[in-house]
Amino acid sequence: MKNRRSFLKEVCPTVAFAFFGVSFLEACSSGDDDAAIANPNNGGGTGTGSGNTDSGFTVNGNTYTIDLTHSNFSNPPSNMGSGLSNVGGWMNGHSIGIPALFLRISSTEIQAYSNECTHQNKRDWWELIDNGSTFKCKHHGSTYATDNCNSGLKCYNPPPISENTLTVTIS
């Protein structure tokens, strides 16, 4: 059985692009990506405590230790949020393997919420609206207040930030 990289190298690029569209372009990265496919945390860790910090975090069981100075958290792609460097900044960790939304609520605190919309269990398409007081799932428009943990999204109350490191247990 061929892996994805071998298949793409052998298929005519024009035919593959017509068939796969944009997914084909994303699949043409350099290096061996079979390990990344097996590890949905995108290098953030394996869940056993033996991860690396390529994505700016490590995982031990369901505890995530996040380096807030890493570009994934300080300056993420716009589809992931505004980043956690400034108060009011936010991000969705889903695309890098963290099942949580994060909101910087003060210079020493970041609140973490489940990023699973209770309407249809979507995780990947959020925006922060109403001057940072509401997360909105852009799939169907469901909204969740950020000022309390009774809005429908589960809250994970991480301890204060310690030297640019956030540790959060997601259960």
C-alpha atoms as a PDB file:
ATOM      1  CA  MET A   1       0.000   0.000   0.000  1.00  0.00           C
ATOM      2  CA  LYS A   2       1.376   3.401  -0.969  1.00  0.00           C
ATOM      3  CA  ASN A   3       1.477   6.337   1.381  1.00  0.00           C
ATOM      4  CA  ARG A   4       0.075   9.694   0.351  1.00  0.00           C
ATOM      5  CA  ARG A   5       3.457  11.219  -0.580  1.00  0.00           C
ATOM      6  CA  SER A   6       4.360   8.348  -2.942  1.00  0.00           C
ATOM      7  CA  PHE A   7       0.975   8.560  -4.595  1.00  0.00           C
ATOM      8  CA  LEU A   8       1.256  12.318  -5.177  1.00  0.00           C
ATOM      9  CA  LYS A   9       4.756  12.018  -6.625  1.00  0.00           C
ATOM     10  CA  GLU A  10       3.522   9.523  -9.217  1.00  0.00           C
ATOM     11  CA  VAL A  11       0.259  11.200 -10.239  1.00  0.00           C
ATOM     12  CA  CYS A  12       0.243  13.834 -12.937  1.00  0.00           C
ATOM     13  CA  PRO A  13       0.021  17.156 -11.029  1.00  0.00           C
ATOM     14  CA  THR A  14      -2.612  18.586 -13.378  1.00  0.00           C
ATOM     15  CA  VAL A  15      -4.927  15.605 -12.911  1.00  0.00           C
ATOM     16  CA  ALA A  16      -4.331  15.544  -9.170  1.00  0.00           C
ATOM     17  CA  PHE A  17      -5.031  19.270  -8.841  1.00  0.00           C
ATOM     18  CA  ALA A  18      -8.255  18.947 -10.848  1.00  0.00           C
ATOM     19  CA  PHE A  19      -9.355  16.027  -8.699  1.00  0.00           C
ATOM     20  CA  PHE A  20      -8.197  17.163  -5.247  1.00  0.00           C
ATOM     21  CA  GLY A  21      -8.315  20.980  -5.578  1.00  0.00           C
ATOM     22  CA  VAL A  22      -6.755  23.018  -2.759  1.00  0.00           C
ATOM     23  CA  SER A  23      -6.227  19.894  -0.635  1.00  0.00           C
ATOM     24  CA  PHE A  24      -3.613  18.826  -3.176  1.00  0.00           C
ATOM     25  CA  LEU A  25      -1.582  22.006  -2.601  1.00  0.00           C
ATOM     26  CA  GLU A  26      -1.672  21.521   1.156  1.00  0.00           C
ATOM     27  CA  ALA A  27      -0.500  17.933   0.748  1.00  0.00           C
ATOM     28  CA  CYS A  28       2.623  18.938  -1.161  1.00  0.00           C
ATOM     29  CA  SER A  29       4.673  20.123   1.783  1.00  0.00           C
ATOM     30  CA  SER A  30       8.272  19.043   2.042  1.00  0.00           C
ATOM     31  CA  GLY A  31       9.397  16.362   4.457  1.00  0.00           C
ATOM     32  CA  ASP A  32       7.765  13.212   5.704  1.00  0.00           C
ATOM     33  CA  ASP A  33       4.242  13.922   6.919  1.00  0.00           C
ATOM     34  CA  ASP A  34       3.174  10.371   7.751  1.00  0.00           C
ATOM     35  CA  ALA A  35       4.075  10.961  11.418  1.00  0.00           C
ATOM     36  CA  ALA A  36       1.983  14.144  11.460  1.00  0.00           C
ATOM     37  CA  ILE A  37      -1.002  12.209  10.107  1.00  0.00           C
ATOM     38  CA  ALA A  38      -0.591   9.609  12.840  1.00  0.00           C
ATOM     39  CA  ASN A  39      -0.237  12.378  15.459  1.00  0.00           C
ATOM     40  CA  PRO A  40      -3.125  14.846  15.218  1.00  0.00           C
ATOM     41  CA  ASN A  41      -1.389  17.183  17.679  1.00  0.00           C
ATOM     42  CA  ASN A  42       0.822  18.465  14.836  1.00  0.00           C
ATOM     43  CA  GLY A  43       4.031  17.911  16.742  1.00  0.00           C
ATOM     44  CA  GLY A  44       2.653  19.317  19.964  1.00  0.00           C
ATOM     45  CA  GLY A  45       2.996  16.016  21.744  1.00  0.00           C
ATOM     46  CA  THR A  46       1.720  12.500  21.762  1.00  0.00           C
ATOM     47  CA  GLY A  47      -0.362  12.671  24.912  1.00  0.00           C
ATOM     48  CA  THR A  48       2.204  10.622  26.784  1.00  0.00           C
ATOM     49  CA  GLY A  49       4.409  13.467  27.917  1.00  0.00           C
ATOM     50  CA  SER A  50       7.023  12.699  25.294  1.00  0.00           C
ATOM     51  CA  GLY A  51       6.122  15.455  22.829  1.00  0.00           C
ATOM     52  CA  ASN A  52       8.231  18.246  21.417  1.00  0.00           C
ATOM     53  CA  THR A  53       7.599  21.978  21.259  1.00  0.00           C
ATOM     54  CA  ASP A  54       7.423  22.409  17.447  1.00  0.00           C
ATOM     55  CA  SER A  55       3.876  23.725  17.851  1.00  0.00           C
ATOM     56  CA  GLY A  56       4.601  25.625  21.047  1.00  0.00           C
ATOM     57  CA  PHE A  57       3.082  23.165  23.490  1.00  0.00           C
ATOM     58  CA  THR A  58       3.546  19.767  25.049  1.00  0.00           C
ATOM     59  CA  VAL A  59       0.916  17.313  26.234  1.00  0.00           C
ATOM     60  CA  ASN A  60       0.957  15.011  29.219  1.00  0.00           C
ATOM     61  CA  GLY A  61      -2.312  13.099  29.398  1.00  0.00           C
ATOM     62  CA  ASN A  62      -4.947  15.837  29.148  1.00  0.00           C
ATOM     63  CA  THR A  63      -2.676  18.612  30.473  1.00  0.00           C
ATOM     64  CA  TYR A  64      -1.293  21.083  27.922  1.00  0.00           C
ATOM     65  CA  THR A  65       1.754  23.205  28.712  1.00  0.00           C
ATOM     66  CA  ILE A  66       1.785  26.146  26.325  1.00  0.00           C
ATOM     67  CA  ASP A  67       4.680  28.478  25.474  1.00  0.00           C
ATOM     68  CA  LEU A  68       2.898  31.795  24.977  1.00  0.00           C
ATOM     69  CA  THR A  69       5.934  33.286  23.201  1.00  0.00           C
ATOM     70  CA  HIS A  70       5.672  30.701  20.393  1.00  0.00           C
ATOM     71  CA  SER A  71       4.275  32.215  17.175  1.00  0.00           C
ATOM     72  CA  ASN A  72       1.279  29.838  17.214  1.00  0.00           C
ATOM     73  CA  PHE A  73       0.100  31.674  20.334  1.00  0.00           C
ATOM     74  CA  SER A  74       1.620  35.149  20.031  1.00  0.00           C
ATOM     75  CA  ASN A  75       0.866  35.694  16.335  1.00  0.00           C
ATOM     76  CA  PRO A  76      -1.304  32.867  14.933  1.00  0.00           C
ATOM     77  CA  PRO A  77      -2.761  32.758  11.424  1.00  0.00           C
ATOM     78  CA  SER A  78      -5.889  34.948  11.253  1.00  0.00           C
ATOM     79  CA  ASN A  79      -8.181  31.918  10.978  1.00  0.00           C
ATOM     80  CA  MET A  80      -7.060  30.893  14.493  1.00  0.00           C
ATOM     81  CA  GLY A  81      -7.730  34.239  16.219  1.00  0.00           C
ATOM     82  CA  SER A  82      -5.782  37.350  17.148  1.00  0.00           C
ATOM     83  CA  GLY A  83      -3.233  35.729  19.456  1.00  0.00           C
ATOM     84  CA  LEU A  84      -2.741  35.728  23.198  1.00  0.00           C
ATOM     85  CA  SER A  85      -0.078  38.436  23.565  1.00  0.00           C
ATOM     86  CA  ASN A  86      -2.529  41.199  24.494  1.00  0.00           C
ATOM     87  CA  VAL A  87      -5.509  41.421  26.843  1.00  0.00           C
ATOM     88  CA  GLY A  88      -8.603  40.695  24.754  1.00  0.00           C
ATOM     89  CA  GLY A  89      -6.637  38.477  22.356  1.00  0.00           C
ATOM     90  CA  TRP A  90      -7.999  35.039  21.608  1.00  0.00           C
ATOM     91  CA  MET A  91      -7.349  31.899  19.614  1.00  0.00           C
ATOM     92  CA  ASN A  92      -8.818  28.546  18.645  1.00  0.00           C
ATOM     93  CA  GLY A  93      -6.333  25.758  19.353  1.00  0.00           C
ATOM     94  CA  HIS A  94      -8.189  23.195  17.236  1.00  0.00           C
ATOM     95  CA  SER A  95      -6.031  23.507  14.119  1.00  0.00           C
ATOM     96  CA  ILE A  96      -2.831  22.790  16.069  1.00  0.00           C
ATOM     97  CA  GLY A  97      -4.292  19.969  18.162  1.00  0.00           C
ATOM     98  CA  ILE A  98      -5.580  21.667  21.324  1.00  0.00           C
ATOM     99  CA  PRO A  99      -9.327  21.200  21.833  1.00  0.00           C
ATOM    100  CA  ALA A 100      -9.940  24.641  23.375  1.00  0.00           C
ATOM    101  CA  LEU A 101     -10.680  28.296  22.744  1.00  0.00           C
ATOM    102  CA  PHE A 102      -8.463  30.728  24.659  1.00  0.00           C
ATOM    103  CA  LEU A 103      -9.191  34.324  25.703  1.00  0.00           C
ATOM    104  CA  ARG A 104      -6.631  36.606  27.372  1.00  0.00           C
ATOM    105  CA  ILE A 105      -8.631  38.276  30.164  1.00  0.00           C
ATOM    106  CA  SER A 106      -5.780  40.068  31.970  1.00  0.00           C
ATOM    107  CA  SER A 107      -2.002  40.382  31.952  1.00  0.00           C
ATOM    108  CA  THR A 108      -1.763  37.281  34.144  1.00  0.00           C
ATOM    109  CA  GLU A 109      -4.831  35.254  33.137  1.00  0.00           C
ATOM    110  CA  ILE A 110      -6.063  33.365  30.116  1.00  0.00           C
ATOM    111  CA  GLN A 111      -9.432  31.653  30.235  1.00  0.00           C
ATOM    112  CA  ALA A 112      -9.881  28.393  28.330  1.00  0.00           C
ATOM    113  CA  TYR A 113     -13.175  27.072  26.989  1.00  0.00           C
ATOM    114  CA  SER A 114     -14.230  23.945  25.146  1.00  0.00           C
ATOM    115  CA  ASN A 115     -14.178  24.718  21.448  1.00  0.00           C
ATOM    116  CA  GLU A 116     -16.973  22.272  20.707  1.00  0.00           C
ATOM    117  CA  CYS A 117     -20.146  24.123  19.768  1.00  0.00           C
ATOM    118  CA  THR A 118     -23.031  22.528  21.624  1.00  0.00           C
ATOM    119  CA  HIS A 119     -25.303  23.065  18.609  1.00  0.00           C
ATOM    120  CA  GLN A 120     -23.635  20.622  16.197  1.00  0.00           C
ATOM    121  CA  ASN A 121     -20.285  19.764  17.819  1.00  0.00           C
ATOM    122  CA  LYS A 122     -18.255  21.894  15.374  1.00  0.00           C
ATOM    123  CA  ARG A 123     -14.772  22.958  16.532  1.00  0.00           C
ATOM    124  CA  ASP A 124     -13.063  24.792  13.736  1.00  0.00           C
ATOM    125  CA  TRP A 125     -14.819  28.047  12.842  1.00  0.00           C
ATOM    126  CA  TRP A 126     -15.114  30.638  15.617  1.00  0.00           C
ATOM    127  CA  GLU A 127     -15.011  34.393  15.982  1.00  0.00           C
ATOM    128  CA  LEU A 128     -14.944  36.698  18.996  1.00  0.00           C
ATOM    129  CA  ILE A 129     -17.648  39.379  18.823  1.00  0.00           C
ATOM    130  CA  ASP A 130     -19.288  42.078  20.945  1.00  0.00           C
ATOM    131  CA  ASN A 131     -15.989  43.592  22.148  1.00  0.00           C
ATOM    132  CA  GLY A 132     -14.745  40.222  23.368  1.00  0.00           C
ATOM    133  CA  SER A 133     -17.808  39.264  25.369  1.00  0.00           C
ATOM    134  CA  THR A 134     -19.092  36.512  23.073  1.00  0.00           C
ATOM    135  CA  PHE A 135     -17.719  33.605  21.064  1.00  0.00           C
ATOM    136  CA  LYS A 136     -19.743  32.901  17.930  1.00  0.00           C
ATOM    137  CA  CYS A 137     -19.717  29.590  16.078  1.00  0.00           C
ATOM    138  CA  LYS A 138     -19.742  30.643  12.455  1.00  0.00           C
ATOM    139  CA  HIS A 139     -21.264  27.348  11.273  1.00  0.00           C
ATOM    140  CA  HIS A 140     -24.759  28.137  12.524  1.00  0.00           C
ATOM    141  CA  GLY A 141     -24.453  31.378  14.510  1.00  0.00           C
ATOM    142  CA  SER A 142     -24.660  29.934  18.031  1.00  0.00           C
ATOM    143  CA  THR A 143     -23.204  32.377  20.576  1.00  0.00           C
ATOM    144  CA  TYR A 144     -21.624  31.856  23.994  1.00  0.00           C
ATOM    145  CA  ALA A 145     -20.824  34.526  26.589  1.00  0.00           C
ATOM    146  CA  THR A 146     -17.200  34.704  27.726  1.00  0.00           C
ATOM    147  CA  ASP A 147     -17.907  36.320  31.099  1.00  0.00           C
ATOM    148  CA  ASN A 148     -19.094  33.199  32.877  1.00  0.00           C
ATOM    149  CA  CYS A 149     -18.889  29.455  32.673  1.00  0.00           C
ATOM    150  CA  ASN A 150     -22.633  29.001  32.378  1.00  0.00           C
ATOM    151  CA  SER A 151     -22.924  30.056  28.750  1.00  0.00           C
ATOM    152  CA  GLY A 152     -22.909  26.543  27.313  1.00  0.00           C
ATOM    153  CA  LEU A 153     -19.203  26.191  26.567  1.00  0.00           C
ATOM    154  CA  LYS A 154     -17.352  24.243  29.208  1.00  0.00           C
ATOM    155  CA  CYS A 155     -14.715  26.310  31.035  1.00  0.00           C
ATOM    156  CA  TYR A 156     -11.316  25.058  32.106  1.00  0.00           C
ATOM    157  CA  ASN A 157      -9.940  27.316  34.816  1.00  0.00           C
ATOM    158  CA  PRO A 158      -6.180  27.367  34.270  1.00  0.00           C
ATOM    159  CA  PRO A 159      -3.900  28.834  36.912  1.00  0.00           C
ATOM    160  CA  PRO A 160      -2.325  32.253  36.286  1.00  0.00           C
ATOM    161  CA  ILE A 161       0.337  32.550  33.605  1.00  0.00           C
ATOM    162  CA  SER A 162       3.787  31.659  34.917  1.00  0.00           C
ATOM    163  CA  GLU A 163       6.743  33.154  33.011  1.00  0.00           C
ATOM    164  CA  ASN A 164       4.984  33.082  29.606  1.00  0.00           C
ATOM    165  CA  THR A 165       3.739  29.543  30.209  1.00  0.00           C
ATOM    166  CA  LEU A 166       0.116  28.517  30.478  1.00  0.00           C
ATOM    167  CA  THR A 167      -0.796  25.108  31.826  1.00  0.00           C
ATOM    168  CA  VAL A 168      -4.353  23.937  31.289  1.00  0.00           C
ATOM    169  CA  THR A 169      -6.019  20.597  31.936  1.00  0.00           C
ATOM    170  CA  ILE A 170      -8.759  19.829  29.440  1.00  0.00           C
ATOM    171  CA  SER A 171     -11.187  17.152  30.489  1.00  0.00           C
END
